[in-house]
Amino acid sequence: MQTVIGYRAFYHAQSNSGRVYLRLDSGEDAEIAADSPAEFSAMLEVLRRHPEVMYEEEQGLLVLPWRKPGTA
């Protein structure tokens, strides 16, 4: 897993699809496809609200570290 240090995103309303591009701490870039507005919104919400987001390359997952219940 690598830490996400930056991101950018685009959404194409006509095709109902989007992409989130990630800049990783290794200097590499990755991208995740979004198939719906809800999926796109959820990914951006995670990236906006959580300062520590990791990317799991094999499955293309955004991963948050363990947190105590009731904390953001």
C-alpha atoms as a PDB file:
ATOM      1  CA  MET A   1       0.000   0.000   0.000  1.00  0.00           C
ATOM      2  CA  GLN A   2       1.117   3.522  -0.731  1.00  0.00           C
ATOM      3  CA  THR A   3       0.103   6.828   0.812  1.00  0.00           C
ATOM      4  CA  VAL A   4      -1.917   9.206  -1.361  1.00  0.00           C
ATOM      5  CA  ILE A   5      -0.244  12.628  -1.385  1.00  0.00           C
ATOM      6  CA  GLY A   6      -2.478  14.309  -3.968  1.00  0.00           C
ATOM      7  CA  TYR A   7      -5.413  13.767  -6.278  1.00  0.00           C
ATOM      8  CA  ARG A   8      -7.379  15.254  -9.133  1.00  0.00           C
ATOM      9  CA  ALA A   9     -10.623  14.108 -10.670  1.00  0.00           C
ATOM     10  CA  PHE A  10     -13.008  14.512 -13.580  1.00  0.00           C
ATOM     11  CA  TYR A  11     -16.568  13.377 -14.204  1.00  0.00           C
ATOM     12  CA  HIS A  12     -18.247  13.114 -17.606  1.00  0.00           C
ATOM     13  CA  ALA A  13     -22.005  13.535 -17.080  1.00  0.00           C
ATOM     14  CA  GLN A  14     -23.035  12.314 -20.546  1.00  0.00           C
ATOM     15  CA  SER A  15     -21.339   8.941 -20.134  1.00  0.00           C
ATOM     16  CA  ASN A  16     -22.053   8.801 -16.385  1.00  0.00           C
ATOM     17  CA  SER A  17     -18.440   7.947 -15.642  1.00  0.00           C
ATOM     18  CA  GLY A  18     -15.431   9.548 -14.085  1.00  0.00           C
ATOM     19  CA  ARG A  19     -11.852   9.043 -13.010  1.00  0.00           C
ATOM     20  CA  VAL A  20      -9.894   9.896  -9.906  1.00  0.00           C
ATOM     21  CA  TYR A  21      -6.147  10.272 -10.421  1.00  0.00           C
ATOM     22  CA  LEU A  22      -3.918   9.709  -7.411  1.00  0.00           C
ATOM     23  CA  ARG A  23      -0.369  10.894  -6.769  1.00  0.00           C
ATOM     24  CA  LEU A  24       1.374   8.377  -4.507  1.00  0.00           C
ATOM     25  CA  ASP A  25       4.273   8.855  -2.109  1.00  0.00           C
ATOM     26  CA  SER A  26       6.478   6.688  -4.329  1.00  0.00           C
ATOM     27  CA  GLY A  27       6.171   9.286  -7.078  1.00  0.00           C
ATOM     28  CA  GLU A  28       3.898   7.012  -9.097  1.00  0.00           C
ATOM     29  CA  ASP A  29       0.397   7.877 -10.262  1.00  0.00           C
ATOM     30  CA  ALA A  30      -2.673   5.648 -10.205  1.00  0.00           C
ATOM     31  CA  GLU A  31      -6.234   6.031 -11.383  1.00  0.00           C
ATOM     32  CA  ILE A  32      -9.572   4.678 -10.250  1.00  0.00           C
ATOM     33  CA  ALA A  33     -12.636   4.607 -12.515  1.00  0.00           C
ATOM     34  CA  ALA A  34     -16.036   5.630 -11.143  1.00  0.00           C
ATOM     35  CA  ASP A  35     -19.138   4.111 -12.739  1.00  0.00           C
ATOM     36  CA  SER A  36     -21.763   6.333 -11.130  1.00  0.00           C
ATOM     37  CA  PRO A  37     -22.155   9.774  -9.567  1.00  0.00           C
ATOM     38  CA  ALA A  38     -22.547   8.155  -6.132  1.00  0.00           C
ATOM     39  CA  GLU A  39     -19.314   6.193  -6.462  1.00  0.00           C
ATOM     40  CA  PHE A  40     -17.456   9.271  -7.688  1.00  0.00           C
ATOM     41  CA  SER A  41     -18.821  11.374  -4.842  1.00  0.00           C
ATOM     42  CA  ALA A  42     -17.908   8.746  -2.239  1.00  0.00           C
ATOM     43  CA  MET A  43     -14.300   8.566  -3.445  1.00  0.00           C
ATOM     44  CA  LEU A  44     -13.930  12.349  -3.370  1.00  0.00           C
ATOM     45  CA  GLU A  45     -15.500  12.518   0.089  1.00  0.00           C
ATOM     46  CA  VAL A  46     -12.905  10.070   1.419  1.00  0.00           C
ATOM     47  CA  LEU A  47     -10.063  12.044  -0.157  1.00  0.00           C
ATOM     48  CA  ARG A  48     -11.374  15.408   1.091  1.00  0.00           C
ATOM     49  CA  ARG A  49     -12.167  14.426   4.679  1.00  0.00           C
ATOM     50  CA  HIS A  50      -9.318  12.124   5.604  1.00  0.00           C
ATOM     51  CA  PRO A  51      -5.723  13.356   5.602  1.00  0.00           C
ATOM     52  CA  GLU A  52      -4.328   9.802   5.724  1.00  0.00           C
ATOM     53  CA  VAL A  53      -5.534   7.811   2.731  1.00  0.00           C
ATOM     54  CA  MET A  54      -3.656   4.882   1.253  1.00  0.00           C
ATOM     55  CA  TYR A  55      -4.037   3.161  -2.089  1.00  0.00           C
ATOM     56  CA  GLU A  56      -3.998  -0.621  -2.383  1.00  0.00           C
ATOM     57  CA  GLU A  57      -2.706  -1.289  -5.882  1.00  0.00           C
ATOM     58  CA  GLU A  58      -3.752  -4.898  -6.509  1.00  0.00           C
ATOM     59  CA  GLN A  59      -7.460  -4.283  -6.001  1.00  0.00           C
ATOM     60  CA  GLY A  60      -7.541  -0.541  -6.677  1.00  0.00           C
ATOM     61  CA  LEU A  61      -8.841   0.361  -3.221  1.00  0.00           C
ATOM     62  CA  LEU A  62      -8.754   3.558  -1.209  1.00  0.00           C
ATOM     63  CA  VAL A  63      -7.899   2.551   2.354  1.00  0.00           C
ATOM     64  CA  LEU A  64      -8.256   4.507   5.595  1.00  0.00           C
ATOM     65  CA  PRO A  65      -6.150   3.742   8.673  1.00  0.00           C
ATOM     66  CA  TRP A  66      -7.753   2.314  11.803  1.00  0.00           C
ATOM     67  CA  ARG A  67      -9.659   4.917  13.815  1.00  0.00           C
ATOM     68  CA  LYS A  68     -11.455   4.944  17.134  1.00  0.00           C
ATOM     69  CA  PRO A  69     -15.260   4.932  16.856  1.00  0.00           C
ATOM     70  CA  GLY A  70     -16.729   8.417  16.798  1.00  0.00           C
ATOM     71  CA  THR A  71     -13.698  10.083  15.183  1.00  0.00           C
ATOM     72  CA  ALA A  72     -13.357  11.282  11.623  1.00  0.00           C
END
